Amino acid sequence: MEEHPAPRGARPRPTPLVAIVGATATGKSDLALALARRLDGEVINADALQLYRGMDIGTAKVTPAEREGVPHHLLDVLEVTEEASVSAYQRAARAAIAAIRGRGRTPILVGGSGLYVRAVLDAIEFPPTDAVTRARLEARAVQEGPEALHAQLSRTDPEAAATIGPRDTRRIVRALEVGELTGRPFTAFLPRPHYVEDRTVQIGLRLERADLHSRIAHRVHRMVDRGLLEEIRELRGRGLDQGPTARRAIGYVQGLSVLDGAMSCQDAVESTVVGTRRLVRKQDTWFRRDHRVRWIDALGEVHGEDGGVLERALQAIEAGVTAEAPGDGTGPRLVP
């Protein structure tokens, strides 16, 4: 594909923003690299766990050698003792997109963390939080019961109350907290399916369940063979046990149990496979709800005799950009 120049006098249109989404083990990273080479792109990570330094084997992070010179952003930006923040990630990822487009290159967002992807692509505003306000509301929930707080929410924010159960203490407290801090209803901050960047295209990779399960099992065994336990042992020395986000990651929590003698390696492998399958179902449900995603089959090589996954993705990107174009012939157009 190449960009054709805009007609004289027309304002150049930005390069596409391509998002590669889908479940774990569908080959998103390989496709992102291939697209970056074909579209003169740079890759932005949208996997929450790949933000962490040292969590390499267990997250299937693309190594520096595998990147083959393609710039990657938002990898290795947190210590395992830090908590990942979607709002902080949103700011960093949008800044990276702007910088990449400023260089005239194509930003390629890739990952399976659904909320992180939505935070970058869509009009989502994250409301503030205040520890004192939250603690006070949580204390009231204990003393008076969550139903009393839900009744208050019904008076102040009936739309939010209608979507939150009367005993869902965490969400009730959060809705009341947001209302007190902002003076706006909690529902005002819910995500809306509206792209904030021009020429955004989401490509989803899909696999038959049996093929995906086979890939997951192979992936987990390969991680163990590559030294996952040694990686976890090293990260424990850097505070993994205290990490509010990192220590709960699939594969890492099982590895910590093995190191503690609470689980055998075989049981840990089986538990990791099961946990990954469960994660895949959640990812699939999340991304399938977004009807803007253009799905392609991930079975086969990125470059294959049938054109491969890469060619199918390029065709889907062109279709997505063409569908968004105004049809007046202005601006660049992606062509094979």
Protein backbone atom coordinates (compact mmCIF):
# COMPACT_ATOMS: atom_id res chain seq x y z
CA MET A 1 0.00 0.00 0.00
CA GLU A 2 1.07 3.58 -0.54
CA GLU A 3 -0.36 7.04 0.06
CA HIS A 4 -1.25 9.03 -3.06
CA PRO A 5 -0.69 12.78 -2.67
CA ALA A 6 -3.68 15.05 -2.27
CA PRO A 7 -4.71 17.28 -5.18
CA ARG A 8 -3.06 20.72 -5.25
CA GLY A 9 -4.70 23.04 -2.74
CA ALA A 10 -6.37 20.26 -0.75
CA ARG A 11 -5.53 19.81 2.92
CA PRO A 12 -3.54 16.56 3.42
CA ARG A 13 -5.44 13.99 5.40
CA PRO A 14 -3.73 12.21 8.30
CA THR A 15 -2.32 8.73 8.02
CA PRO A 16 -4.69 5.99 9.21
CA LEU A 17 -4.73 4.98 12.86
CA VAL A 18 -4.78 1.17 12.76
CA ALA A 19 -5.75 -0.88 15.81
CA ILE A 20 -5.04 -4.63 15.86
CA VAL A 21 -7.30 -6.28 18.44
CA GLY A 22 -8.50 -9.71 19.43
CA ALA A 23 -7.83 -12.49 21.87
CA THR A 24 -4.51 -13.64 23.27
CA ALA A 25 -2.48 -15.94 20.97
CA THR A 26 -4.13 -14.87 17.71
CA GLY A 27 -0.93 -13.36 16.31
CA LYS A 28 -1.54 -9.63 16.84
CA SER A 29 2.13 -8.74 17.43
CA ASP A 30 3.32 -10.51 14.26
CA LEU A 31 0.69 -8.75 12.18
CA ALA A 32 1.51 -5.38 13.73
CA LEU A 33 5.17 -5.78 12.76
CA ALA A 34 4.28 -6.77 9.20
CA LEU A 35 1.90 -3.82 8.87
CA ALA A 36 4.49 -1.44 10.24
CA ARG A 37 6.94 -2.51 7.56
CA ARG A 38 4.35 -2.17 4.78
CA LEU A 39 2.76 1.09 5.97
CA ASP A 40 5.89 2.83 7.28
CA GLY A 41 4.45 2.54 10.76
CA GLU A 42 5.33 2.54 14.42
CA VAL A 43 3.74 0.22 16.99
CA ILE A 44 2.01 1.33 20.20
CA ASN A 45 1.45 -1.34 22.86
CA ALA A 46 -2.10 -1.78 24.18
CA ASP A 47 -1.45 -4.77 26.46
CA ALA A 48 -1.64 -3.62 30.08
CA LEU A 49 0.89 -6.21 31.29
CA GLN A 50 3.48 -5.38 28.65
CA LEU A 51 3.78 -1.96 30.24
CA TYR A 52 5.87 -3.63 32.95
CA ARG A 53 9.65 -3.91 32.81
CA GLY A 54 10.85 -7.49 33.07
CA MET A 55 7.48 -9.12 32.37
CA ASP A 56 8.71 -10.39 29.04
CA ILE A 57 8.32 -14.16 28.69
CA GLY A 58 4.96 -14.42 30.46
CA THR A 59 3.40 -11.65 28.36
CA ALA A 60 4.90 -12.81 25.02
CA LYS A 61 6.50 -9.38 24.64
CA VAL A 62 8.20 -8.82 21.28
CA THR A 63 11.95 -8.79 21.90
CA PRO A 64 14.20 -5.98 20.60
CA ALA A 65 15.65 -8.39 18.03
CA GLU A 66 12.18 -9.43 16.83
CA ARG A 67 11.19 -5.78 16.36
CA GLU A 68 13.73 -5.54 13.53
CA GLY A 69 14.13 -1.82 13.93
CA VAL A 70 10.39 -1.01 14.01
CA PRO A 71 9.86 1.59 16.77
CA HIS A 72 7.68 0.35 19.64
CA HIS A 73 6.07 2.62 22.20
CA LEU A 74 4.71 2.09 25.75
CA LEU A 75 6.64 -1.09 26.44
CA ASP A 76 8.61 -1.34 29.71
CA VAL A 77 7.37 1.93 31.21
CA LEU A 78 6.31 0.68 34.68
CA GLU A 79 7.97 -1.15 37.54
CA VAL A 80 6.15 -4.26 38.77
CA THR A 81 5.43 -2.48 42.07
CA GLU A 82 3.42 0.24 40.29
CA GLU A 83 -0.30 0.15 39.53
CA ALA A 84 -1.33 0.48 35.91
CA SER A 85 -3.58 3.46 35.21
CA VAL A 86 -5.88 3.55 32.19
CA SER A 87 -6.12 7.34 32.30
CA ALA A 88 -2.32 7.74 32.37
CA TYR A 89 -2.03 5.24 29.54
CA GLN A 90 -4.64 7.14 27.52
CA ARG A 91 -2.62 10.35 27.73
CA ALA A 92 0.66 8.63 26.82
CA ALA A 93 -0.81 6.65 23.92
CA ARG A 94 -2.57 9.65 22.39
CA ALA A 95 0.66 11.65 22.65
CA ALA A 96 2.49 8.83 20.86
CA ILE A 97 -0.12 8.76 18.08
CA ALA A 98 0.21 12.51 17.56
CA ALA A 99 4.00 12.28 17.44
CA ILE A 100 3.94 9.37 14.97
CA ARG A 101 1.50 11.18 12.70
CA GLY A 102 3.64 14.30 13.03
CA ARG A 103 6.49 12.30 11.53
CA GLY A 104 4.22 11.34 8.63
CA ARG A 105 4.16 7.70 9.70
CA THR A 106 1.32 5.28 10.50
CA PRO A 107 0.45 4.61 14.15
CA ILE A 108 -0.43 0.95 14.81
CA LEU A 109 -2.07 0.22 18.16
CA VAL A 110 -1.91 -3.44 19.13
CA GLY A 111 -3.14 -5.36 22.15
CA GLY A 112 -5.87 -7.34 23.81
CA SER A 113 -6.61 -5.10 26.81
CA GLY A 114 -10.05 -3.94 25.73
CA LEU A 115 -10.46 -0.96 28.02
CA TYR A 116 -7.01 0.34 27.12
CA VAL A 117 -7.86 0.15 23.41
CA ARG A 118 -11.19 1.92 23.93
CA ALA A 119 -9.51 4.59 26.08
CA VAL A 120 -7.25 5.50 23.15
CA LEU A 121 -9.71 5.23 20.30
CA ASP A 122 -12.96 6.53 21.75
CA ALA A 123 -14.29 9.62 23.50
CA ILE A 124 -13.74 8.43 27.06
CA GLU A 125 -13.17 10.83 29.94
CA PHE A 126 -11.89 9.45 33.22
CA PRO A 127 -13.38 11.16 36.29
CA PRO A 128 -11.16 12.10 39.24
CA THR A 129 -10.92 10.12 42.45
CA ASP A 130 -10.34 11.17 46.04
CA ALA A 131 -9.22 8.74 48.76
CA VAL A 132 -10.88 10.69 51.59
CA THR A 133 -14.25 10.91 49.84
CA ARG A 134 -14.15 7.25 48.89
CA ALA A 135 -13.19 6.14 52.42
CA ARG A 136 -16.08 8.14 53.89
CA LEU A 137 -18.59 6.58 51.47
CA GLU A 138 -17.20 3.08 52.07
CA ALA A 139 -17.56 3.59 55.84
CA ARG A 140 -21.17 4.63 55.33
CA ALA A 141 -21.78 1.51 53.26
CA VAL A 142 -20.55 -0.63 56.15
CA GLN A 143 -22.56 1.27 58.77
CA GLU A 144 -25.80 1.86 56.86
CA GLY A 145 -25.67 -0.88 54.22
CA PRO A 146 -25.19 -0.48 50.46
CA GLU A 147 -28.96 -0.22 49.95
CA ALA A 148 -29.01 3.13 51.78
CA LEU A 149 -26.31 4.51 49.50
CA HIS A 150 -28.14 3.09 46.49
CA ALA A 151 -31.28 4.95 47.59
CA GLN A 152 -29.23 8.16 47.70
CA LEU A 153 -27.87 7.43 44.24
CA SER A 154 -31.43 6.91 42.97
CA ARG A 155 -32.24 10.46 44.07
CA THR A 156 -29.08 12.15 42.78
CA ASP A 157 -28.32 10.06 39.68
CA PRO A 158 -31.30 7.85 38.78
CA GLU A 159 -29.83 6.78 35.44
CA ALA A 160 -26.72 5.37 37.12
CA ALA A 161 -28.79 3.76 39.88
CA ALA A 162 -30.88 1.94 37.29
CA THR A 163 -27.75 0.21 35.95
CA ILE A 164 -26.11 -0.61 39.31
CA GLY A 165 -27.40 -3.29 41.64
CA PRO A 166 -28.46 -2.22 45.16
CA ARG A 167 -25.74 -4.38 46.74
CA ASP A 168 -22.92 -3.56 44.33
CA THR A 169 -21.04 -1.52 46.93
CA ARG A 170 -17.95 -0.79 44.82
CA ARG A 171 -19.86 0.72 41.90
CA ILE A 172 -22.35 2.56 44.11
CA VAL A 173 -19.51 4.20 46.02
CA ARG A 174 -17.73 5.11 42.79
CA ALA A 175 -20.88 6.66 41.28
CA LEU A 176 -21.51 8.74 44.39
CA GLU A 177 -17.84 9.75 44.55
CA VAL A 178 -17.89 10.95 40.95
CA GLY A 179 -21.07 12.92 41.58
CA GLU A 180 -19.63 14.66 44.64
CA LEU A 181 -16.31 15.49 42.96
CA THR A 182 -17.59 16.64 39.58
CA GLY A 183 -21.22 17.62 40.01
CA ARG A 184 -21.94 15.51 36.95
CA PRO A 185 -23.79 12.17 36.66
CA PHE A 186 -21.68 9.01 36.62
CA THR A 187 -23.19 8.03 33.27
CA ALA A 188 -21.66 11.15 31.69
CA PHE A 189 -18.29 9.41 31.93
CA LEU A 190 -19.31 6.09 30.38
CA PRO A 191 -17.53 5.29 27.10
CA ARG A 192 -19.19 6.30 23.85
CA PRO A 193 -18.41 4.46 20.59
CA HIS A 194 -17.09 7.56 18.86
CA TYR A 195 -13.55 7.68 17.43
CA VAL A 196 -11.54 10.73 18.46
CA GLU A 197 -8.99 10.30 15.66
CA ASP A 198 -9.74 10.65 11.93
CA ARG A 199 -9.28 7.57 9.74
CA THR A 200 -9.36 5.02 12.55
CA VAL A 201 -9.70 1.36 11.53
CA GLN A 202 -9.91 -1.60 13.90
CA ILE A 203 -8.79 -5.00 12.61
CA GLY A 204 -9.80 -8.02 14.70
CA LEU A 205 -8.01 -11.37 14.47
CA ARG A 206 -10.21 -14.43 14.93
CA LEU A 207 -9.55 -18.17 15.20
CA GLU A 208 -11.70 -21.23 15.60
CA ARG A 209 -11.85 -22.14 19.29
CA ALA A 210 -10.04 -25.47 18.81
CA ASP A 211 -7.16 -23.79 16.97
CA LEU A 212 -6.95 -21.08 19.59
CA HIS A 213 -6.89 -23.58 22.46
CA SER A 214 -4.08 -25.44 20.73
CA ARG A 215 -2.10 -22.23 20.35
CA ILE A 216 -2.64 -21.33 23.99
CA ALA A 217 -1.36 -24.68 25.24
CA HIS A 218 1.70 -24.49 22.99
CA ARG A 219 2.34 -20.90 24.06
CA VAL A 220 2.25 -21.69 27.78
CA HIS A 221 4.59 -24.68 27.46
CA ARG A 222 6.97 -22.58 25.37
CA MET A 223 7.00 -19.86 28.03
CA VAL A 224 8.01 -22.41 30.66
CA ASP A 225 10.73 -23.78 28.40
CA ARG A 226 12.06 -20.26 27.79
CA GLY A 227 12.48 -19.65 31.53
CA LEU A 228 9.25 -18.19 32.88
CA LEU A 229 9.96 -19.41 36.42
CA GLU A 230 13.39 -17.80 36.37
CA GLU A 231 11.81 -14.55 35.17
CA ILE A 232 9.28 -14.66 38.01
CA ARG A 233 12.01 -15.39 40.57
CA GLU A 234 13.92 -12.32 39.38
CA LEU A 235 10.81 -10.14 39.42
CA ARG A 236 10.03 -11.29 42.97
CA GLY A 237 13.34 -9.78 43.96
CA ARG A 238 12.14 -6.51 42.44
CA GLY A 239 8.89 -6.51 44.41
CA LEU A 240 6.48 -8.52 42.27
CA ASP A 241 4.63 -9.78 45.37
CA GLN A 242 3.74 -6.18 46.25
CA GLY A 243 2.61 -5.23 42.76
CA PRO A 244 -1.13 -4.42 42.83
CA THR A 245 -1.54 -5.26 39.14
CA ALA A 246 1.47 -7.31 38.03
CA ARG A 247 1.32 -10.03 40.68
CA ARG A 248 -2.22 -10.99 39.60
CA ALA A 249 -1.25 -11.65 35.98
CA ILE A 250 -2.07 -15.07 34.57
CA GLY A 251 1.05 -17.22 34.62
CA TYR A 252 2.79 -15.03 37.18
CA VAL A 253 0.42 -15.80 40.04
CA GLN A 254 0.82 -19.52 39.26
CA GLY A 255 4.59 -19.15 39.06
CA LEU A 256 4.72 -17.49 42.46
CA SER A 257 2.78 -20.46 43.86
CA VAL A 258 5.34 -22.85 42.35
CA LEU A 259 8.20 -20.90 43.92
CA ASP A 260 6.37 -21.02 47.27
CA GLY A 261 5.92 -24.80 46.97
CA ALA A 262 2.13 -24.44 46.96
CA MET A 263 1.69 -25.77 43.41
CA SER A 264 3.53 -28.20 41.17
CA CYS A 265 4.89 -27.01 37.84
CA GLN A 266 2.47 -29.28 35.99
CA ASP A 267 -0.50 -27.94 37.94
CA ALA A 268 0.71 -24.39 37.33
CA VAL A 269 0.87 -25.01 33.58
CA GLU A 270 -2.65 -26.46 33.56
CA SER A 271 -3.96 -23.58 35.68
CA THR A 272 -2.32 -21.04 33.35
CA VAL A 273 -3.84 -22.67 30.28
CA VAL A 274 -7.30 -22.65 31.89
CA GLY A 275 -6.88 -19.06 33.05
CA THR A 276 -5.78 -17.96 29.59
CA ARG A 277 -8.79 -19.65 28.01
CA ARG A 278 -11.01 -17.78 30.45
CA LEU A 279 -9.29 -14.51 29.54
CA VAL A 280 -9.76 -15.25 25.84
CA ARG A 281 -13.52 -15.64 26.33
CA LYS A 282 -13.66 -12.27 28.06
CA GLN A 283 -11.59 -10.62 25.32
CA ASP A 284 -13.76 -12.14 22.63
CA THR A 285 -16.93 -10.91 24.33
CA TRP A 286 -15.49 -7.42 24.74
CA PHE A 287 -14.32 -6.94 21.16
CA ARG A 288 -17.34 -8.66 19.58
CA ARG A 289 -19.57 -6.00 21.13
CA ASP A 290 -17.84 -3.36 19.02
CA HIS A 291 -19.42 -3.62 15.58
CA ARG A 292 -16.79 -1.30 14.09
CA VAL A 293 -14.15 -4.03 14.26
CA ARG A 294 -13.34 -5.57 10.86
CA TRP A 295 -12.65 -9.25 11.52
CA ILE A 296 -10.21 -11.35 9.52
CA ASP A 297 -9.12 -14.98 9.88
CA ALA A 298 -5.81 -15.36 11.71
CA LEU A 299 -5.17 -18.96 10.69
CA GLY A 300 -2.07 -19.33 8.55
CA GLU A 301 1.15 -17.38 8.22
CA VAL A 302 1.34 -13.61 8.08
CA HIS A 303 2.73 -14.10 4.59
CA GLY A 304 1.06 -17.10 2.96
CA GLU A 305 0.22 -18.61 -0.39
CA ASP A 306 -3.33 -17.27 -0.14
CA GLY A 307 -2.03 -13.75 0.38
CA GLY A 308 -1.63 -14.34 4.09
CA VAL A 309 -2.96 -12.57 7.12
CA LEU A 310 -1.10 -9.40 6.15
CA GLU A 311 -2.84 -9.06 2.79
CA ARG A 312 -6.24 -9.69 4.37
CA ALA A 313 -5.48 -6.99 6.93
CA LEU A 314 -4.37 -4.51 4.25
CA GLN A 315 -7.59 -5.09 2.34
CA ALA A 316 -9.62 -4.53 5.52
CA ILE A 317 -7.72 -1.32 6.28
CA GLU A 318 -8.35 0.01 2.78
CA ALA A 319 -12.04 -0.86 3.08
CA GLY A 320 -12.22 0.90 6.44
CA VAL A 321 -10.48 4.06 5.22
CA THR A 322 -12.57 4.13 2.04
CA ALA A 323 -15.78 3.79 4.07
CA GLU A 324 -14.79 6.81 6.15
CA ALA A 325 -13.69 8.95 3.19
CA PRO A 326 -16.06 11.74 2.09
CA GLY A 327 -16.07 10.53 -1.50
CA ASP A 328 -14.98 13.86 -2.99
CA GLY A 329 -11.64 12.55 -4.19
CA THR A 330 -9.62 14.74 -1.82
CA GLY A 331 -6.83 13.48 0.36
CA PRO A 332 -4.63 10.40 0.14
CA ARG A 333 -6.11 6.98 -0.44
CA LEU A 334 -4.68 3.64 0.59
CA VAL A 335 -4.23 1.26 -2.34
CA PRO A 336 -2.57 -2.16 -2.62
